[in-house]
Amino acid sequence: MEENNSGILSLFSFLPEGCISSIIALTTPKDACRASTVSWVFNSASESDSVWERFLPSDYQEIISNSVDPPLNYATKKELFFSLCDSPIIINDGKLSFWLSKLSGKKCYRIGARELSITWVDTPEYWGWTSTPESRFSEVAELIYVCWLDIQGKMPSQMLSSRTTYAAYLIFRVTEYSYGLDVVAKASVQFADVIRNPSAISIDVNDESTNANLLEPETSSVYLIHSPCGDGYLQRSYRRHRRPVQQIAGRVPQLRTDGWMELLLGEFFNDEGNGDIEMKLSETSILNWKKGLVVEGIELRPKEL
């Protein structure tokens, strides 16, 4: 095996460095990093700007020009790539956070709470705006007291990487005095123009067979609080009205390394980037008043292994 590898490397040594770079550019960022350890020829080829230019989005210059952060400092396209992977930038007048997937170079976005459509968000009795150092954005929305919880976000699909399956997540946390959040909510992700755009595909994340031809959005049951006993932070007067969470099928949030929670709203396949993606979470029982939800935004990132 070692002899075979040596023979292959010997063949590559006769190729011009530009040719090797072109070959590496057809792989992935991870493969390019691995290639740099093979030999000095591969290292030189895999470090070239021509390789990492291919891994960057075609519109990366326009994207970073819209950053509200200080200008990025980079000497090579590889440095720029990993800077965009490790340090998300705020773009579009502070409305969006943008970064790249380190595995694939695909685009990732987080829509700030100010850009979401939240029912009664401008009514001080129901919602308030506050700042927190843990957030990427200058403000987050805090639920004060409401029965009608309806949060919606929209993203032009042409801003995303094409031919890519994306997952959409609500990014949030709950306060220690929260209640009314352990009931079943409904989540959905759909193309806004699915009827006029047959190429738009909605994926039911609960269906293992993945019926990718559905034109109607799939609505899933989700929980903002995962409590095995169904109590969460509910006041005692509410507990007798709740069934234990384990008795109801539904997705639950996951704790992230940055301290926020994320709740999967749904998945979709972005084919050619036509139309808008609409994401929604709702729990609108007028008998169930809710409190203590802090919304940072909705995140869209590629579904990768």
Protein backbone atom coordinates (compact mmCIF):
# COMPACT_ATOMS: atom_id res chain seq x y z
CA MET A 1 0.00 0.00 0.00
CA GLU A 2 2.84 2.37 0.87
CA GLU A 3 4.47 1.59 -2.46
CA ASN A 4 1.21 2.39 -4.26
CA ASN A 5 0.88 5.69 -2.42
CA SER A 6 4.46 6.55 -3.21
CA GLY A 7 3.81 5.79 -6.86
CA ILE A 8 0.74 8.05 -6.92
CA LEU A 9 2.66 10.85 -5.27
CA SER A 10 5.44 10.43 -7.79
CA LEU A 11 2.93 10.85 -10.61
CA PHE A 12 1.51 14.02 -9.00
CA SER A 13 5.00 15.43 -8.65
CA PHE A 14 5.18 15.74 -12.44
CA LEU A 15 2.03 17.88 -12.57
CA PRO A 16 2.26 21.68 -12.46
CA GLU A 17 1.29 23.17 -9.10
CA GLY A 18 -1.62 24.99 -10.72
CA CYS A 19 -3.02 21.69 -11.95
CA ILE A 20 -2.81 20.17 -8.47
CA SER A 21 -4.51 23.26 -7.04
CA SER A 22 -7.36 22.85 -9.53
CA ILE A 23 -7.81 19.25 -8.44
CA ILE A 24 -7.82 20.12 -4.73
CA ALA A 25 -10.32 22.93 -5.38
CA LEU A 26 -12.81 20.28 -6.49
CA THR A 27 -12.77 18.66 -3.03
CA THR A 28 -13.75 20.19 0.32
CA PRO A 29 -12.04 22.53 2.80
CA LYS A 30 -11.41 19.55 5.06
CA ASP A 31 -9.79 17.59 2.23
CA ALA A 32 -7.66 20.60 1.28
CA CYS A 33 -6.30 20.80 4.82
CA ARG A 34 -5.50 17.11 4.76
CA ALA A 35 -3.78 17.43 1.39
CA SER A 36 -1.39 20.00 2.82
CA THR A 37 0.19 17.27 4.98
CA VAL A 38 0.87 14.87 2.10
CA SER A 39 3.96 16.53 0.68
CA TRP A 40 5.52 19.94 0.12
CA VAL A 41 4.05 19.99 -3.40
CA PHE A 42 0.52 19.41 -2.07
CA ASN A 43 1.07 21.84 0.78
CA SER A 44 2.01 24.62 -1.60
CA ALA A 45 -0.89 23.82 -3.94
CA SER A 46 -3.50 23.52 -1.17
CA GLU A 47 -2.50 26.87 0.35
CA SER A 48 -3.02 28.81 -2.86
CA ASP A 49 -5.66 31.53 -3.13
CA SER A 50 -7.11 29.81 -6.20
CA VAL A 51 -8.14 26.84 -4.04
CA TRP A 52 -9.73 28.82 -1.21
CA GLU A 53 -11.41 31.22 -3.63
CA ARG A 54 -13.42 28.20 -4.80
CA PHE A 55 -14.48 27.41 -1.23
CA LEU A 56 -15.71 30.94 -0.61
CA PRO A 57 -19.21 31.91 -1.83
CA SER A 58 -19.21 33.60 -5.23
CA ASP A 59 -20.71 36.73 -3.64
CA TYR A 60 -18.43 36.82 -0.60
CA GLN A 61 -17.04 40.25 -1.45
CA GLU A 62 -20.51 41.77 -1.53
CA ILE A 63 -21.41 40.07 1.75
CA ILE A 64 -18.37 41.25 3.70
CA SER A 65 -18.75 44.75 2.25
CA ASN A 66 -22.12 44.92 4.06
CA SER A 67 -20.54 44.14 7.43
CA VAL A 68 -21.13 46.61 10.26
CA ASP A 69 -18.09 45.20 12.06
CA PRO A 70 -14.55 46.52 11.54
CA PRO A 71 -13.03 45.44 8.19
CA LEU A 72 -11.65 41.92 8.13
CA ASN A 73 -7.88 41.61 8.07
CA TYR A 74 -6.55 38.69 6.08
CA ALA A 75 -3.42 37.98 4.06
CA THR A 76 -4.72 34.98 2.15
CA LYS A 77 -8.09 33.61 1.03
CA LYS A 78 -7.56 30.67 3.40
CA GLU A 79 -7.29 33.10 6.31
CA LEU A 80 -10.47 34.81 5.16
CA PHE A 81 -12.28 31.48 4.89
CA PHE A 82 -11.48 30.39 8.42
CA SER A 83 -12.13 33.87 9.77
CA LEU A 84 -15.66 33.66 8.37
CA CYS A 85 -16.04 30.18 9.87
CA ASP A 86 -14.83 31.05 13.36
CA SER A 87 -16.04 34.64 13.73
CA PRO A 88 -19.54 35.42 12.37
CA ILE A 89 -19.98 38.95 11.07
CA ILE A 90 -23.01 41.22 11.42
CA ILE A 91 -24.34 42.46 8.08
CA ASN A 92 -27.28 44.34 6.57
CA ASP A 93 -27.39 47.17 9.12
CA GLY A 94 -27.21 44.77 12.05
CA LYS A 95 -30.14 42.63 10.92
CA LEU A 96 -28.28 39.42 10.06
CA SER A 97 -25.33 37.39 11.29
CA PHE A 98 -23.34 35.58 8.61
CA TRP A 99 -20.69 32.86 8.70
CA LEU A 100 -19.49 29.81 6.76
CA SER A 101 -19.64 26.11 7.52
CA LYS A 102 -16.12 24.90 8.18
CA LEU A 103 -16.95 21.50 6.66
CA SER A 104 -18.36 22.65 3.34
CA GLY A 105 -18.03 26.42 3.01
CA LYS A 106 -21.84 26.70 2.76
CA LYS A 107 -23.51 29.89 3.91
CA CYS A 108 -25.05 30.18 7.38
CA TYR A 109 -27.26 32.97 8.68
CA ARG A 110 -28.96 34.07 11.87
CA ILE A 111 -31.89 36.48 11.59
CA GLY A 112 -31.99 38.88 14.53
CA ALA A 113 -35.13 39.22 16.65
CA ARG A 114 -35.70 42.75 15.30
CA GLU A 115 -36.14 41.24 11.83
CA LEU A 116 -38.69 38.66 12.94
CA SER A 117 -42.43 39.16 12.84
CA ILE A 118 -43.60 38.65 16.44
CA THR A 119 -47.24 39.22 17.32
CA TRP A 120 -47.69 42.17 19.74
CA VAL A 121 -43.92 42.68 19.97
CA ASP A 122 -44.38 46.46 20.02
CA THR A 123 -46.86 46.35 22.90
CA PRO A 124 -44.88 47.02 26.12
CA GLU A 125 -47.31 45.01 28.25
CA TYR A 126 -46.54 41.90 26.22
CA TRP A 127 -42.95 42.16 24.95
CA GLY A 128 -39.86 44.16 25.76
CA TRP A 129 -36.54 44.83 24.05
CA THR A 130 -33.35 44.33 26.01
CA SER A 131 -29.64 43.83 25.41
CA THR A 132 -27.41 41.01 26.63
CA PRO A 133 -23.67 40.46 26.15
CA GLU A 134 -24.32 36.85 25.10
CA SER A 135 -26.19 37.94 21.96
CA ARG A 136 -24.67 38.69 18.58
CA PHE A 137 -27.24 41.44 18.13
CA SER A 138 -27.75 44.73 19.93
CA GLU A 139 -31.22 43.73 21.11
CA VAL A 140 -33.20 40.60 21.91
CA ALA A 141 -36.95 40.25 22.48
CA GLU A 142 -38.19 39.21 25.93
CA LEU A 143 -41.70 37.88 26.43
CA ILE A 144 -43.30 39.67 29.39
CA TYR A 145 -46.84 38.27 29.39
CA VAL A 146 -48.84 36.98 26.45
CA CYS A 147 -51.24 34.23 25.43
CA TRP A 148 -50.84 34.49 21.65
CA LEU A 149 -47.27 33.42 20.84
CA ASP A 150 -46.55 33.71 17.12
CA ILE A 151 -42.99 34.14 15.80
CA GLN A 152 -42.24 34.22 12.08
CA GLY A 153 -39.11 34.77 10.03
CA LYS A 154 -38.43 35.10 6.32
CA MET A 155 -35.25 34.64 4.29
CA PRO A 156 -34.74 35.04 0.52
CA SER A 157 -33.57 31.63 -0.62
CA GLN A 158 -31.18 33.16 -3.16
CA MET A 159 -29.07 34.36 -0.23
CA LEU A 160 -28.46 30.74 0.77
CA SER A 161 -26.21 28.15 -0.85
CA SER A 162 -28.01 26.39 -3.69
CA ARG A 163 -28.57 22.63 -3.90
CA THR A 164 -28.25 22.39 -0.14
CA THR A 165 -30.47 20.98 2.59
CA TYR A 166 -30.88 23.52 5.37
CA ALA A 167 -32.24 23.29 8.89
CA ALA A 168 -33.92 26.26 10.60
CA TYR A 169 -33.65 26.75 14.37
CA LEU A 170 -35.21 29.14 16.85
CA ILE A 171 -32.41 30.50 19.06
CA PHE A 172 -33.69 31.42 22.52
CA ARG A 173 -33.44 30.95 26.24
CA VAL A 174 -35.91 31.03 29.14
CA THR A 175 -35.64 33.06 32.33
CA GLU A 176 -35.81 31.58 35.81
CA TYR A 177 -39.27 33.07 36.34
CA SER A 178 -40.76 31.75 33.08
CA TYR A 179 -43.98 29.79 32.92
CA GLY A 180 -46.51 28.50 30.39
CA LEU A 181 -43.80 27.39 27.96
CA ASP A 182 -43.92 23.61 28.40
CA VAL A 183 -47.07 23.15 26.30
CA VAL A 184 -47.08 21.84 22.75
CA ALA A 185 -46.24 24.48 20.15
CA LYS A 186 -46.37 24.19 16.37
CA ALA A 187 -43.41 24.75 14.06
CA SER A 188 -43.21 24.87 10.28
CA VAL A 189 -40.82 25.78 7.46
CA GLN A 190 -42.03 26.35 3.91
CA PHE A 191 -41.33 28.10 0.66
CA ALA A 192 -43.54 31.17 0.42
CA ASP A 193 -44.18 30.53 -3.27
CA VAL A 194 -44.46 26.73 -3.35
CA ILE A 195 -47.52 26.64 -5.58
CA ARG A 196 -45.99 28.77 -8.33
CA ASN A 197 -42.55 27.25 -7.82
CA PRO A 198 -42.75 23.45 -8.19
CA SER A 199 -38.98 23.14 -7.59
CA ALA A 200 -39.45 24.31 -4.00
CA ILE A 201 -39.22 21.30 -1.72
CA SER A 202 -40.46 20.97 1.83
CA ILE A 203 -39.08 18.12 3.94
CA ASP A 204 -40.98 16.53 6.81
CA VAL A 205 -38.30 15.93 9.45
CA ASN A 206 -40.54 13.43 11.24
CA ASP A 207 -40.96 11.24 8.16
CA GLU A 208 -38.05 8.81 7.76
CA SER A 209 -39.04 8.19 4.14
CA THR A 210 -38.70 11.95 3.48
CA ASN A 211 -41.47 12.75 1.02
CA ALA A 212 -39.57 15.48 -0.81
CA ASN A 213 -42.40 16.29 -3.23
CA LEU A 214 -44.75 17.83 -0.69
CA LEU A 215 -45.93 21.30 -1.69
CA GLU A 216 -47.84 21.95 1.52
CA PRO A 217 -45.77 22.87 4.60
CA GLU A 218 -45.37 20.22 7.30
CA THR A 219 -46.30 21.35 10.80
CA SER A 220 -44.49 19.65 13.68
CA SER A 221 -45.09 19.55 17.43
CA VAL A 222 -42.30 21.12 19.50
CA TYR A 223 -41.55 22.20 23.05
CA LEU A 224 -39.77 25.33 24.24
CA ILE A 225 -39.10 23.70 27.60
CA HIS A 226 -38.12 20.07 28.00
CA SER A 227 -39.36 18.85 31.36
CA PRO A 228 -39.74 15.08 31.97
CA CYS A 229 -42.48 15.81 34.51
CA GLY A 230 -44.21 18.42 32.41
CA ASP A 231 -43.80 21.10 35.07
CA GLY A 232 -40.94 23.18 33.69
CA TYR A 233 -41.15 26.56 35.41
CA LEU A 234 -44.95 26.56 35.52
CA GLN A 235 -46.75 28.08 38.45
CA ARG A 236 -48.41 25.46 40.65
CA SER A 237 -51.89 26.64 39.62
CA TYR A 238 -51.15 25.59 36.04
CA ARG A 239 -49.72 22.13 36.73
CA ARG A 240 -52.99 20.23 37.00
CA HIS A 241 -53.86 21.24 33.44
CA ARG A 242 -50.73 19.76 31.88
CA ARG A 243 -49.93 16.25 30.70
CA PRO A 244 -46.38 14.93 31.19
CA VAL A 245 -44.19 15.83 28.24
CA GLN A 246 -43.17 12.22 27.60
CA GLN A 247 -46.82 11.40 26.78
CA ILE A 248 -46.79 13.71 23.75
CA ALA A 249 -44.55 13.24 20.72
CA GLY A 250 -42.58 16.31 19.75
CA ARG A 251 -39.15 17.82 19.32
CA VAL A 252 -37.42 19.43 22.28
CA PRO A 253 -34.74 22.16 22.40
CA GLN A 254 -31.02 21.47 22.73
CA LEU A 255 -28.50 23.42 24.79
CA ARG A 256 -25.74 25.00 22.71
CA THR A 257 -22.14 25.59 23.71
CA ASP A 258 -22.76 29.36 23.62
CA GLY A 259 -25.39 29.08 26.36
CA TRP A 260 -28.43 29.58 24.12
CA MET A 261 -31.04 26.93 23.33
CA GLU A 262 -31.91 25.89 19.80
CA LEU A 263 -35.16 24.33 18.64
CA LEU A 264 -35.41 22.72 15.23
CA LEU A 265 -38.32 24.30 13.34
CA GLY A 266 -37.90 22.26 10.16
CA GLU A 267 -35.75 21.45 7.15
CA PHE A 268 -35.89 22.27 3.46
CA PHE A 269 -33.92 21.72 0.28
CA ASN A 270 -32.80 24.92 -1.40
CA ASP A 271 -32.61 23.97 -5.06
CA GLU A 272 -31.93 26.98 -7.28
CA GLY A 273 -32.62 29.69 -4.71
CA ASN A 274 -36.01 30.96 -5.91
CA GLY A 275 -38.54 32.60 -3.59
CA ASP A 276 -38.54 33.13 0.16
CA ILE A 277 -38.28 30.68 3.03
CA GLU A 278 -40.87 31.21 5.76
CA MET A 279 -40.30 29.84 9.28
CA LYS A 280 -42.87 29.87 12.06
CA LEU A 281 -43.40 28.93 15.69
CA SER A 282 -46.80 29.38 17.33
CA GLU A 283 -48.74 28.50 20.48
CA THR A 284 -51.96 30.48 20.51
CA SER A 285 -54.17 29.02 23.21
CA ILE A 286 -55.94 31.98 24.86
CA LEU A 287 -56.14 29.98 28.09
CA ASN A 288 -52.38 29.52 28.33
CA TRP A 289 -50.54 32.69 29.31
CA LYS A 290 -46.79 32.62 28.84
CA LYS A 291 -43.83 34.49 30.26
CA GLY A 292 -40.03 34.55 30.29
CA LEU A 293 -39.04 33.62 26.72
CA VAL A 294 -35.99 35.48 25.37
CA VAL A 295 -35.71 35.34 21.56
CA GLU A 296 -32.37 36.03 19.87
CA GLY A 297 -33.36 35.02 16.35
CA ILE A 298 -33.77 32.23 13.81
CA GLU A 299 -30.71 30.44 12.46
CA LEU A 300 -30.36 28.70 9.10
CA ARG A 301 -27.43 26.39 8.55
CA PRO A 302 -26.66 23.43 6.25
CA LYS A 303 -27.62 20.00 7.46
CA GLU A 304 -24.27 18.21 7.50
CA LEU A 305 -22.84 15.06 9.02
